[in-house]
Amino acid sequence: MISKTVKYSSILFILLCITTIFAGAFLSLFTARSEGEDIILNWQTGEENNVDYFAVERKAINSEFTEIAKLDAKGDNSYYTYIDESAYKTTDVLYIYRIKIVDLNSEVPPTYSKEVSVSHSVSSVKKTWGSIKALFR
């Protein structure tokens, strides 16, 4: 006899697979790295079906996710890069990112990638200079 836990786990797994299929995109790669004042995010898709755009979301340890960028979907087997230039403005050193996949018709609820974290520290001199520089952009 199959236990209830195994049965419910199997059902949950099937539902998650269906959600991924209906979300319209399969992410085969999602990475984040600190480089100078910026954090660079890269992701690659396999198949993209009915995807409108990808939203980049960021949060610090004790906060909620906030959308910081939108990138239009390019199509199957595409490579995406987003450079988070605003990370130096905060005092947090650990950021968590995820990608929200949004359907063209908004008929399917958005789905989310796995979360990736990156440690990022910028000196106070760079933070101050970066803030001053941002005023003149």
N, C-alpha and C. Protein backbone atom coordinates (compact mmCIF):
# COMPACT_ATOMS: atom_id res chain seq x y z
N MET A 1 0.84 -1.18 0.00
CA MET A 1 0.00 0.00 0.00
C MET A 1 0.89 1.24 0.00
N ILE A 2 0.56 2.19 -0.84
CA ILE A 2 1.33 3.43 -0.94
C ILE A 2 0.88 4.37 0.18
N SER A 3 1.87 4.93 0.86
CA SER A 3 1.53 5.83 1.96
C SER A 3 0.93 7.13 1.42
N LYS A 4 0.18 7.83 2.28
CA LYS A 4 -0.44 9.09 1.88
C LYS A 4 0.61 10.13 1.53
N THR A 5 1.74 10.12 2.23
CA THR A 5 2.80 11.09 1.96
C THR A 5 3.35 10.92 0.55
N VAL A 6 3.61 9.67 0.16
CA VAL A 6 4.12 9.39 -1.18
C VAL A 6 3.09 9.79 -2.22
N LYS A 7 1.83 9.46 -1.96
CA LYS A 7 0.75 9.77 -2.89
C LYS A 7 0.63 11.29 -3.07
N TYR A 8 0.60 12.05 -1.97
CA TYR A 8 0.48 13.51 -2.05
C TYR A 8 1.73 14.14 -2.66
N SER A 9 2.88 13.58 -2.38
CA SER A 9 4.13 14.09 -2.98
C SER A 9 4.10 13.89 -4.50
N SER A 10 3.60 12.75 -4.94
CA SER A 10 3.50 12.49 -6.38
C SER A 10 2.54 13.46 -7.04
N ILE A 11 1.43 13.72 -6.41
CA ILE A 11 0.44 14.66 -6.95
C ILE A 11 1.04 16.06 -7.01
N LEU A 12 1.74 16.46 -5.96
CA LEU A 12 2.38 17.78 -5.93
C LEU A 12 3.42 17.90 -7.04
N PHE A 13 4.21 16.86 -7.23
CA PHE A 13 5.23 16.87 -8.29
C PHE A 13 4.57 17.03 -9.66
N ILE A 14 3.51 16.31 -9.91
CA ILE A 14 2.79 16.41 -11.19
C ILE A 14 2.25 17.82 -11.38
N LEU A 15 1.67 18.40 -10.33
CA LEU A 15 1.14 19.76 -10.43
C LEU A 15 2.25 20.76 -10.71
N LEU A 16 3.40 20.60 -10.09
CA LEU A 16 4.53 21.49 -10.34
C LEU A 16 5.01 21.38 -11.78
N CYS A 17 5.05 20.18 -12.31
CA CYS A 17 5.45 19.98 -13.70
C CYS A 17 4.46 20.64 -14.65
N ILE A 18 3.19 20.50 -14.37
CA ILE A 18 2.16 21.13 -15.20
C ILE A 18 2.31 22.64 -15.14
N THR A 19 2.54 23.20 -13.96
CA THR A 19 2.73 24.64 -13.82
C THR A 19 3.90 25.11 -14.66
N THR A 20 5.00 24.40 -14.62
CA THR A 20 6.18 24.78 -15.40
C THR A 20 5.86 24.74 -16.88
N ILE A 21 5.16 23.74 -17.33
CA ILE A 21 4.82 23.63 -18.74
C ILE A 21 3.92 24.79 -19.16
N PHE A 22 2.90 25.09 -18.35
CA PHE A 22 1.98 26.16 -18.70
C PHE A 22 2.59 27.54 -18.53
N ALA A 23 3.62 27.67 -17.70
CA ALA A 23 4.26 28.96 -17.52
C ALA A 23 4.90 29.41 -18.82
N GLY A 24 5.29 28.48 -19.66
CA GLY A 24 5.77 28.81 -20.97
C GLY A 24 7.27 28.86 -21.15
N ALA A 25 8.05 28.68 -20.10
CA ALA A 25 9.50 28.73 -20.27
C ALA A 25 10.17 27.75 -19.33
N PHE A 26 11.24 27.18 -19.83
CA PHE A 26 12.07 26.30 -19.02
C PHE A 26 13.43 26.98 -18.89
N LEU A 27 13.83 27.30 -17.67
CA LEU A 27 15.13 27.91 -17.43
C LEU A 27 16.16 26.83 -17.19
N SER A 28 17.14 26.76 -18.07
CA SER A 28 18.18 25.74 -17.93
C SER A 28 19.38 26.26 -17.15
N LEU A 29 19.43 27.57 -16.93
CA LEU A 29 20.55 28.19 -16.23
C LEU A 29 20.07 29.46 -15.57
N PHE A 30 20.49 29.71 -14.33
CA PHE A 30 20.21 30.98 -13.66
C PHE A 30 21.31 31.22 -12.64
N THR A 31 22.14 32.24 -12.87
CA THR A 31 23.26 32.53 -11.98
C THR A 31 23.31 34.02 -11.66
N ALA A 32 23.98 34.33 -10.54
CA ALA A 32 24.20 35.72 -10.14
C ALA A 32 25.61 35.81 -9.58
N ARG A 33 26.32 36.91 -9.94
CA ARG A 33 27.66 37.10 -9.41
C ARG A 33 27.91 38.59 -9.17
N SER A 34 28.71 38.87 -8.16
CA SER A 34 29.11 40.23 -7.83
C SER A 34 30.33 40.59 -8.67
N GLU A 35 30.27 41.76 -9.29
CA GLU A 35 31.40 42.21 -10.10
C GLU A 35 31.52 43.73 -9.95
N GLY A 36 32.50 44.17 -9.17
CA GLY A 36 32.67 45.60 -8.92
C GLY A 36 31.50 46.15 -8.14
N GLU A 37 30.87 47.18 -8.69
CA GLU A 37 29.71 47.80 -8.03
C GLU A 37 28.41 47.11 -8.40
N ASP A 38 28.43 46.22 -9.36
CA ASP A 38 27.22 45.63 -9.91
C ASP A 38 27.07 44.15 -9.58
N ILE A 39 25.85 43.69 -9.76
CA ILE A 39 25.58 42.25 -9.69
C ILE A 39 25.06 41.85 -11.06
N ILE A 40 25.65 40.81 -11.63
CA ILE A 40 25.29 40.38 -12.97
C ILE A 40 24.50 39.08 -12.89
N LEU A 41 23.32 39.11 -13.48
CA LEU A 41 22.44 37.95 -13.54
C LEU A 41 22.45 37.40 -14.96
N ASN A 42 22.53 36.10 -15.08
CA ASN A 42 22.46 35.42 -16.38
C ASN A 42 21.46 34.28 -16.28
N TRP A 43 20.66 34.12 -17.30
CA TRP A 43 19.81 32.95 -17.38
C TRP A 43 19.61 32.57 -18.84
N GLN A 44 19.31 31.30 -19.01
CA GLN A 44 19.11 30.76 -20.35
C GLN A 44 17.83 29.95 -20.34
N THR A 45 17.10 30.06 -21.43
CA THR A 45 15.87 29.29 -21.55
C THR A 45 16.05 28.19 -22.56
N GLY A 46 15.27 27.16 -22.40
CA GLY A 46 15.18 26.13 -23.42
C GLY A 46 14.04 26.53 -24.33
N GLU A 47 12.88 26.06 -24.00
CA GLU A 47 11.70 26.37 -24.78
C GLU A 47 10.96 27.54 -24.15
N GLU A 48 10.45 28.45 -24.98
CA GLU A 48 9.61 29.56 -24.52
C GLU A 48 8.31 29.51 -25.30
N ASN A 49 7.22 29.26 -24.62
CA ASN A 49 5.91 29.20 -25.26
C ASN A 49 5.00 30.24 -24.63
N ASN A 50 4.56 31.19 -25.43
CA ASN A 50 3.58 32.18 -24.98
C ASN A 50 4.10 33.04 -23.82
N VAL A 51 5.40 33.31 -23.79
CA VAL A 51 5.98 34.13 -22.72
C VAL A 51 6.01 35.58 -23.18
N ASP A 52 5.50 36.47 -22.33
CA ASP A 52 5.50 37.91 -22.62
C ASP A 52 6.83 38.53 -22.21
N TYR A 53 7.18 38.33 -20.93
CA TYR A 53 8.43 38.91 -20.43
C TYR A 53 8.91 38.19 -19.19
N PHE A 54 10.15 38.50 -18.82
CA PHE A 54 10.76 38.00 -17.60
C PHE A 54 10.96 39.20 -16.68
N ALA A 55 10.52 39.09 -15.44
CA ALA A 55 10.72 40.16 -14.47
C ALA A 55 11.79 39.71 -13.48
N VAL A 56 12.78 40.57 -13.26
CA VAL A 56 13.83 40.28 -12.30
C VAL A 56 13.37 40.83 -10.95
N GLU A 57 13.42 39.99 -9.94
CA GLU A 57 13.02 40.40 -8.59
C GLU A 57 14.20 40.20 -7.63
N ARG A 58 14.32 41.14 -6.68
CA ARG A 58 15.43 41.11 -5.73
C ARG A 58 14.89 41.35 -4.32
N LYS A 59 15.56 40.73 -3.36
CA LYS A 59 15.26 41.02 -1.96
C LYS A 59 16.53 40.85 -1.14
N ALA A 60 16.52 41.49 0.01
CA ALA A 60 17.57 41.28 1.01
C ALA A 60 17.03 40.22 1.97
N ILE A 61 17.84 39.81 2.90
CA ILE A 61 17.47 38.71 3.80
C ILE A 61 16.12 38.91 4.48
N ASN A 62 15.89 40.04 5.11
CA ASN A 62 14.66 40.23 5.90
C ASN A 62 13.66 41.14 5.20
N SER A 63 13.51 40.99 3.90
CA SER A 63 12.57 41.84 3.17
C SER A 63 11.80 41.00 2.16
N GLU A 64 10.90 41.67 1.47
CA GLU A 64 10.08 41.02 0.45
C GLU A 64 10.71 41.25 -0.93
N PHE A 65 10.37 40.39 -1.89
CA PHE A 65 10.86 40.57 -3.24
C PHE A 65 10.27 41.84 -3.85
N THR A 66 11.10 42.55 -4.62
CA THR A 66 10.70 43.75 -5.34
C THR A 66 11.13 43.59 -6.80
N GLU A 67 10.24 43.94 -7.70
CA GLU A 67 10.58 43.87 -9.13
C GLU A 67 11.52 45.02 -9.47
N ILE A 68 12.66 44.69 -10.09
CA ILE A 68 13.64 45.73 -10.41
C ILE A 68 13.85 45.89 -11.92
N ALA A 69 13.35 44.95 -12.73
CA ALA A 69 13.53 45.06 -14.18
C ALA A 69 12.59 44.11 -14.90
N LYS A 70 12.31 44.46 -16.18
CA LYS A 70 11.55 43.59 -17.08
C LYS A 70 12.35 43.43 -18.36
N LEU A 71 12.44 42.20 -18.83
CA LEU A 71 13.10 41.93 -20.11
C LEU A 71 12.12 41.18 -20.99
N ASP A 72 11.94 41.65 -22.22
CA ASP A 72 11.04 40.99 -23.16
C ASP A 72 11.59 39.62 -23.53
N ALA A 73 10.67 38.69 -23.71
CA ALA A 73 11.06 37.34 -24.13
C ALA A 73 11.59 37.38 -25.56
N LYS A 74 12.64 36.61 -25.83
CA LYS A 74 13.27 36.58 -27.15
C LYS A 74 12.87 35.35 -27.95
N GLY A 75 12.50 34.29 -27.27
CA GLY A 75 12.17 33.06 -27.98
C GLY A 75 13.01 31.90 -27.47
N ASP A 76 12.77 30.73 -28.06
CA ASP A 76 13.44 29.50 -27.63
C ASP A 76 14.96 29.64 -27.59
N ASN A 77 15.55 28.95 -26.63
CA ASN A 77 17.01 28.86 -26.50
C ASN A 77 17.70 30.22 -26.46
N SER A 78 17.16 31.12 -25.65
CA SER A 78 17.73 32.46 -25.56
C SER A 78 18.55 32.62 -24.29
N TYR A 79 19.50 33.53 -24.36
CA TYR A 79 20.39 33.84 -23.25
C TYR A 79 20.11 35.27 -22.82
N TYR A 80 19.91 35.48 -21.52
CA TYR A 80 19.56 36.80 -20.99
C TYR A 80 20.61 37.24 -19.97
N THR A 81 20.88 38.53 -19.95
CA THR A 81 21.77 39.12 -18.96
C THR A 81 21.12 40.39 -18.43
N TYR A 82 21.15 40.54 -17.13
CA TYR A 82 20.69 41.78 -16.50
C TYR A 82 21.77 42.22 -15.53
N ILE A 83 22.14 43.50 -15.59
CA ILE A 83 23.13 44.06 -14.68
C ILE A 83 22.41 44.94 -13.67
N ASP A 84 22.46 44.53 -12.42
CA ASP A 84 21.83 45.29 -11.33
C ASP A 84 22.82 46.36 -10.86
N GLU A 85 22.62 47.57 -11.36
CA GLU A 85 23.51 48.68 -11.03
C GLU A 85 23.10 49.40 -9.76
N SER A 86 21.96 49.04 -9.19
CA SER A 86 21.48 49.73 -8.00
C SER A 86 21.85 49.02 -6.71
N ALA A 87 22.50 47.88 -6.80
CA ALA A 87 22.84 47.11 -5.60
C ALA A 87 23.81 47.86 -4.69
N TYR A 88 24.68 48.70 -5.26
CA TYR A 88 25.67 49.40 -4.44
C TYR A 88 25.04 50.46 -3.54
N LYS A 89 23.82 50.86 -3.81
CA LYS A 89 23.19 51.94 -3.06
C LYS A 89 22.69 51.52 -1.68
N THR A 90 22.63 50.24 -1.43
CA THR A 90 22.12 49.77 -0.15
C THR A 90 23.25 49.22 0.71
N THR A 91 22.93 49.00 1.98
CA THR A 91 23.96 48.50 2.90
C THR A 91 23.93 46.99 3.04
N ASP A 92 22.97 46.34 2.41
CA ASP A 92 22.87 44.89 2.49
C ASP A 92 24.03 44.24 1.75
N VAL A 93 24.48 43.11 2.23
CA VAL A 93 25.58 42.42 1.56
C VAL A 93 25.15 41.11 0.93
N LEU A 94 23.95 40.62 1.23
CA LEU A 94 23.46 39.39 0.63
C LEU A 94 22.12 39.68 -0.05
N TYR A 95 22.09 39.42 -1.33
CA TYR A 95 20.87 39.62 -2.10
C TYR A 95 20.38 38.28 -2.62
N ILE A 96 19.07 38.17 -2.75
CA ILE A 96 18.44 36.98 -3.29
C ILE A 96 17.63 37.43 -4.50
N TYR A 97 17.83 36.73 -5.61
CA TYR A 97 17.16 37.07 -6.87
C TYR A 97 16.31 35.90 -7.33
N ARG A 98 15.27 36.24 -8.09
CA ARG A 98 14.48 35.23 -8.79
C ARG A 98 13.91 35.86 -10.06
N ILE A 99 13.51 35.02 -10.98
CA ILE A 99 12.94 35.47 -12.24
C ILE A 99 11.46 35.10 -12.26
N LYS A 100 10.62 36.08 -12.54
CA LYS A 100 9.18 35.83 -12.69
C LYS A 100 8.90 35.71 -14.18
N ILE A 101 8.24 34.61 -14.56
CA ILE A 101 7.92 34.35 -15.96
C ILE A 101 6.44 34.69 -16.16
N VAL A 102 6.18 35.64 -17.07
CA VAL A 102 4.82 36.15 -17.26
C VAL A 102 4.30 35.76 -18.64
N ASP A 103 3.10 35.20 -18.66
CA ASP A 103 2.43 34.73 -19.86
C ASP A 103 1.93 35.90 -20.71
N LEU A 104 1.89 35.72 -22.03
CA LEU A 104 1.41 36.75 -22.96
C LEU A 104 -0.01 37.22 -22.66
N ASN A 105 -0.89 36.29 -22.41
CA ASN A 105 -2.30 36.61 -22.23
C ASN A 105 -2.70 36.80 -20.78
N SER A 106 -1.76 36.65 -19.89
CA SER A 106 -2.02 36.74 -18.44
C SER A 106 -3.10 35.77 -17.99
N GLU A 107 -3.33 34.72 -18.77
CA GLU A 107 -4.31 33.70 -18.40
C GLU A 107 -3.72 32.71 -17.41
N VAL A 108 -2.43 32.52 -17.50
CA VAL A 108 -1.73 31.60 -16.61
C VAL A 108 -1.03 32.44 -15.55
N PRO A 109 -1.17 32.08 -14.28
CA PRO A 109 -0.47 32.84 -13.24
C PRO A 109 1.04 32.80 -13.47
N PRO A 110 1.73 33.88 -13.14
CA PRO A 110 3.19 33.87 -13.34
C PRO A 110 3.84 32.78 -12.49
N THR A 111 4.96 32.27 -12.98
CA THR A 111 5.73 31.30 -12.21
C THR A 111 7.09 31.91 -11.92
N TYR A 112 7.80 31.27 -11.01
CA TYR A 112 9.07 31.82 -10.55
C TYR A 112 10.19 30.79 -10.69
N SER A 113 11.37 31.32 -10.98
CA SER A 113 12.56 30.48 -11.05
C SER A 113 12.97 30.11 -9.64
N LYS A 114 14.00 29.30 -9.56
CA LYS A 114 14.62 29.06 -8.26
C LYS A 114 15.25 30.38 -7.81
N GLU A 115 15.53 30.49 -6.55
CA GLU A 115 16.18 31.67 -6.02
C GLU A 115 17.69 31.47 -6.00
N VAL A 116 18.42 32.52 -6.36
CA VAL A 116 19.88 32.48 -6.27
C VAL A 116 20.31 33.63 -5.38
N SER A 117 21.33 33.38 -4.59
CA SER A 117 21.82 34.43 -3.69
C SER A 117 23.24 34.79 -4.07
N VAL A 118 23.59 36.04 -3.77
CA VAL A 118 24.93 36.53 -4.07
C VAL A 118 25.35 37.49 -2.97
N SER A 119 26.57 37.32 -2.51
CA SER A 119 27.15 38.21 -1.52
C SER A 119 27.77 39.39 -2.25
N HIS A 120 27.45 40.59 -1.80
CA HIS A 120 27.90 41.79 -2.50
C HIS A 120 28.26 42.87 -1.48
N SER A 121 29.50 43.27 -1.48
CA SER A 121 29.89 44.37 -0.59
C SER A 121 30.69 45.39 -1.38
N VAL A 122 30.29 46.62 -1.22
CA VAL A 122 30.94 47.74 -1.89
C VAL A 122 31.40 48.68 -0.79
N SER A 123 32.61 49.22 -0.92
CA SER A 123 33.14 50.12 0.10
C SER A 123 32.24 51.35 0.24
N SER A 124 32.30 51.99 1.40
CA SER A 124 31.47 53.17 1.64
C SER A 124 31.85 54.30 0.69
N VAL A 125 33.11 54.38 0.30
CA VAL A 125 33.54 55.40 -0.66
C VAL A 125 32.85 55.18 -2.00
N LYS A 126 32.82 53.93 -2.47
CA LYS A 126 32.16 53.63 -3.74
C LYS A 126 30.66 53.87 -3.64
N LYS A 127 30.06 53.54 -2.49
CA LYS A 127 28.62 53.77 -2.31
C LYS A 127 28.32 55.25 -2.42
N THR A 128 29.12 56.09 -1.74
CA THR A 128 28.90 57.53 -1.77
C THR A 128 29.10 58.07 -3.18
N TRP A 129 30.20 57.69 -3.83
CA TRP A 129 30.47 58.15 -5.19
C TRP A 129 29.38 57.66 -6.14
N GLY A 130 28.94 56.43 -5.98
CA GLY A 130 27.87 55.90 -6.83
C GLY A 130 26.58 56.67 -6.66
N SER A 131 26.26 57.07 -5.45
CA SER A 131 25.05 57.85 -5.20
C SER A 131 25.14 59.22 -5.84
N ILE A 132 26.31 59.85 -5.74
CA ILE A 132 26.53 61.16 -6.35
C ILE A 132 26.42 61.05 -7.87
N LYS A 133 27.05 60.00 -8.43
CA LYS A 133 27.02 59.77 -9.86
C LYS A 133 25.58 59.57 -10.35
N ALA A 134 24.79 58.89 -9.56
CA ALA A 134 23.40 58.59 -9.95
C ALA A 134 22.57 59.87 -10.03
N LEU A 135 22.91 60.87 -9.27
CA LEU A 135 22.17 62.14 -9.30
C LEU A 135 22.28 62.82 -10.66
N PHE A 136 23.36 62.58 -11.37
CA PHE A 136 23.61 63.26 -12.64
C PHE A 136 23.28 62.42 -13.86
N ARG A 137 22.69 61.27 -13.67
CA ARG A 137 22.31 60.41 -14.81
C ARG A 137 21.04 60.91 -15.44
